[in-house]
Amino acid sequence: MSNAQAKVLRSLDTLSLADLVLKPNAANGTAPKDAADSAFSVSASNVDLGFWECSPGSFRTARDGVNEVILVLEGKGTLVSDTGERVDHQTGDLVLIPNGWSGLWEIHEHFKKQYITMTV
């Protein structure tokens, strides 16, 4: 019998991220600010789970060596790949940003997500 115990890692009711800070990779003359909180990380399995939020704006991003699954908790955004493909997402959507993806992330409304990244 295992001593492993389930526990609540974070609750949205009490989640308190640090003050939002201007993203250095802002794009298109916008000024998005963001903050993150890693709630759980397992080095041996290369998994990181946490929360992130961002104010409206656009910025470049890439997923190199990592797959990311996000659950949109609040807001609306669009991922625009370097090849021009657009993926709109909003509250309640579960989104995969695969290893090798790069492009622009447009945040249309204050955005909060829960993320799980898996290093490949």
Protein backbone atom coordinates (compact mmCIF):
# COMPACT_ATOMS: atom_id res chain seq x y z
CA MET A 1 0.00 0.00 0.00
CA SER A 2 1.32 3.43 -1.01
CA ASN A 3 1.65 6.51 1.20
CA ALA A 4 0.99 8.75 -1.82
CA GLN A 5 -1.54 11.46 -1.07
CA ALA A 6 -3.66 13.53 -3.42
CA LYS A 7 -3.65 17.27 -2.76
CA VAL A 8 -4.91 20.51 -4.21
CA LEU A 9 -1.90 22.22 -5.79
CA ARG A 10 -3.61 25.56 -6.40
CA SER A 11 -7.15 26.86 -6.14
CA LEU A 12 -8.43 29.53 -8.49
CA ASP A 13 -10.15 31.14 -5.51
CA THR A 14 -6.81 31.77 -3.80
CA LEU A 15 -4.37 31.90 -6.73
CA SER A 16 -2.26 35.02 -6.41
CA LEU A 17 0.29 35.55 -9.14
CA ALA A 18 3.05 38.13 -8.85
CA ASP A 19 2.55 41.57 -10.35
CA LEU A 20 2.36 41.45 -14.13
CA VAL A 21 5.62 42.44 -15.82
CA LEU A 22 6.07 43.79 -19.35
CA LYS A 23 7.05 41.04 -21.81
CA PRO A 24 10.41 41.78 -23.47
CA ASN A 25 9.28 40.08 -26.72
CA ALA A 26 6.17 42.23 -27.27
CA ALA A 27 5.14 42.68 -30.90
CA ASN A 28 3.13 45.01 -33.12
CA GLY A 29 3.52 48.01 -30.81
CA THR A 30 1.59 46.35 -27.97
CA ALA A 31 2.64 46.11 -24.33
CA PRO A 32 1.43 42.79 -22.89
CA LYS A 33 2.35 42.01 -19.29
CA ASP A 34 2.41 38.54 -17.78
CA ALA A 35 3.11 36.46 -14.67
CA ALA A 36 3.41 32.73 -13.99
CA ASP A 37 3.32 30.30 -11.07
CA SER A 38 4.76 26.81 -11.42
CA ALA A 39 2.53 24.68 -9.22
CA PHE A 40 4.21 21.32 -9.77
CA SER A 41 7.38 20.17 -11.47
CA VAL A 42 8.90 16.71 -11.78
CA SER A 43 12.43 16.87 -13.15
CA ALA A 44 12.74 13.14 -13.74
CA SER A 45 9.68 13.10 -15.99
CA ASN A 46 10.20 16.58 -17.48
CA VAL A 47 6.70 17.76 -16.61
CA ASP A 48 5.82 21.24 -15.38
CA LEU A 49 2.32 22.33 -14.37
CA GLY A 50 1.35 25.85 -13.46
CA PHE A 51 -0.68 28.98 -14.09
CA TRP A 52 -0.01 32.00 -16.29
CA GLU A 53 -1.80 35.23 -17.04
CA CYS A 54 -1.25 38.03 -19.50
CA SER A 55 -2.77 41.40 -20.33
CA PRO A 56 -3.86 42.18 -23.92
CA GLY A 57 -1.12 42.52 -26.52
CA SER A 58 0.97 40.45 -28.95
CA PHE A 59 4.29 38.70 -28.53
CA ARG A 60 6.46 36.14 -30.30
CA THR A 61 6.79 32.71 -28.77
CA ALA A 62 8.11 29.27 -29.67
CA ARG A 63 7.88 25.76 -28.31
CA ASP A 64 11.31 24.24 -28.83
CA GLY A 65 11.74 20.83 -27.23
CA VAL A 66 8.45 21.00 -25.33
CA ASN A 67 4.77 20.20 -25.88
CA GLU A 68 2.35 22.45 -23.99
CA VAL A 69 -1.27 21.73 -23.17
CA ILE A 70 -3.29 24.67 -21.85
CA LEU A 71 -6.74 25.03 -20.36
CA VAL A 72 -7.99 28.57 -20.92
CA LEU A 73 -9.45 29.75 -17.61
CA GLU A 74 -10.32 33.28 -18.69
CA GLY A 75 -10.07 35.47 -21.78
CA LYS A 76 -9.57 35.15 -25.52
CA GLY A 77 -6.48 34.78 -27.67
CA THR A 78 -5.20 33.73 -31.07
CA LEU A 79 -2.09 31.74 -31.93
CA VAL A 80 -0.76 32.74 -35.36
CA SER A 81 1.92 30.35 -36.61
CA ASP A 82 4.87 31.48 -38.69
CA THR A 83 3.08 29.79 -41.63
CA GLY A 84 -0.03 31.93 -41.06
CA GLU A 85 -2.34 29.34 -39.48
CA ARG A 86 -4.63 30.90 -36.86
CA VAL A 87 -6.03 29.13 -33.81
CA ASP A 88 -8.57 31.16 -31.83
CA HIS A 89 -9.15 30.06 -28.25
CA GLN A 90 -11.26 31.24 -25.34
CA THR A 91 -12.42 30.36 -21.84
CA GLY A 92 -12.97 26.62 -21.52
CA ASP A 93 -10.83 25.57 -24.50
CA LEU A 94 -8.15 22.90 -24.12
CA VAL A 95 -5.31 23.75 -26.52
CA LEU A 96 -2.17 21.91 -27.63
CA ILE A 97 0.87 23.96 -28.65
CA PRO A 98 3.18 21.27 -30.05
CA ASN A 99 6.93 20.96 -30.01
CA GLY A 100 8.38 22.95 -32.91
CA TRP A 101 5.53 25.50 -33.08
CA SER A 102 6.53 29.15 -33.37
CA GLY A 103 4.69 32.34 -34.11
CA LEU A 104 2.74 35.18 -32.59
CA TRP A 105 0.40 34.99 -29.63
CA GLU A 106 -2.29 37.68 -29.72
CA ILE A 107 -4.04 38.21 -26.38
CA HIS A 108 -7.40 39.91 -27.03
CA GLU A 109 -8.80 39.91 -23.46
CA HIS A 110 -6.98 39.53 -20.13
CA PHE A 111 -5.94 35.90 -20.31
CA LYS A 112 -5.44 33.22 -17.66
CA LYS A 113 -4.44 29.64 -18.33
CA GLN A 114 -3.42 26.50 -16.56
CA TYR A 115 -0.55 24.82 -18.40
CA ILE A 116 1.22 21.50 -18.49
CA THR A 117 4.51 21.33 -20.39
CA MET A 118 6.23 18.08 -21.28
CA THR A 119 9.83 18.21 -22.44
CA VAL A 120 10.54 15.90 -25.39
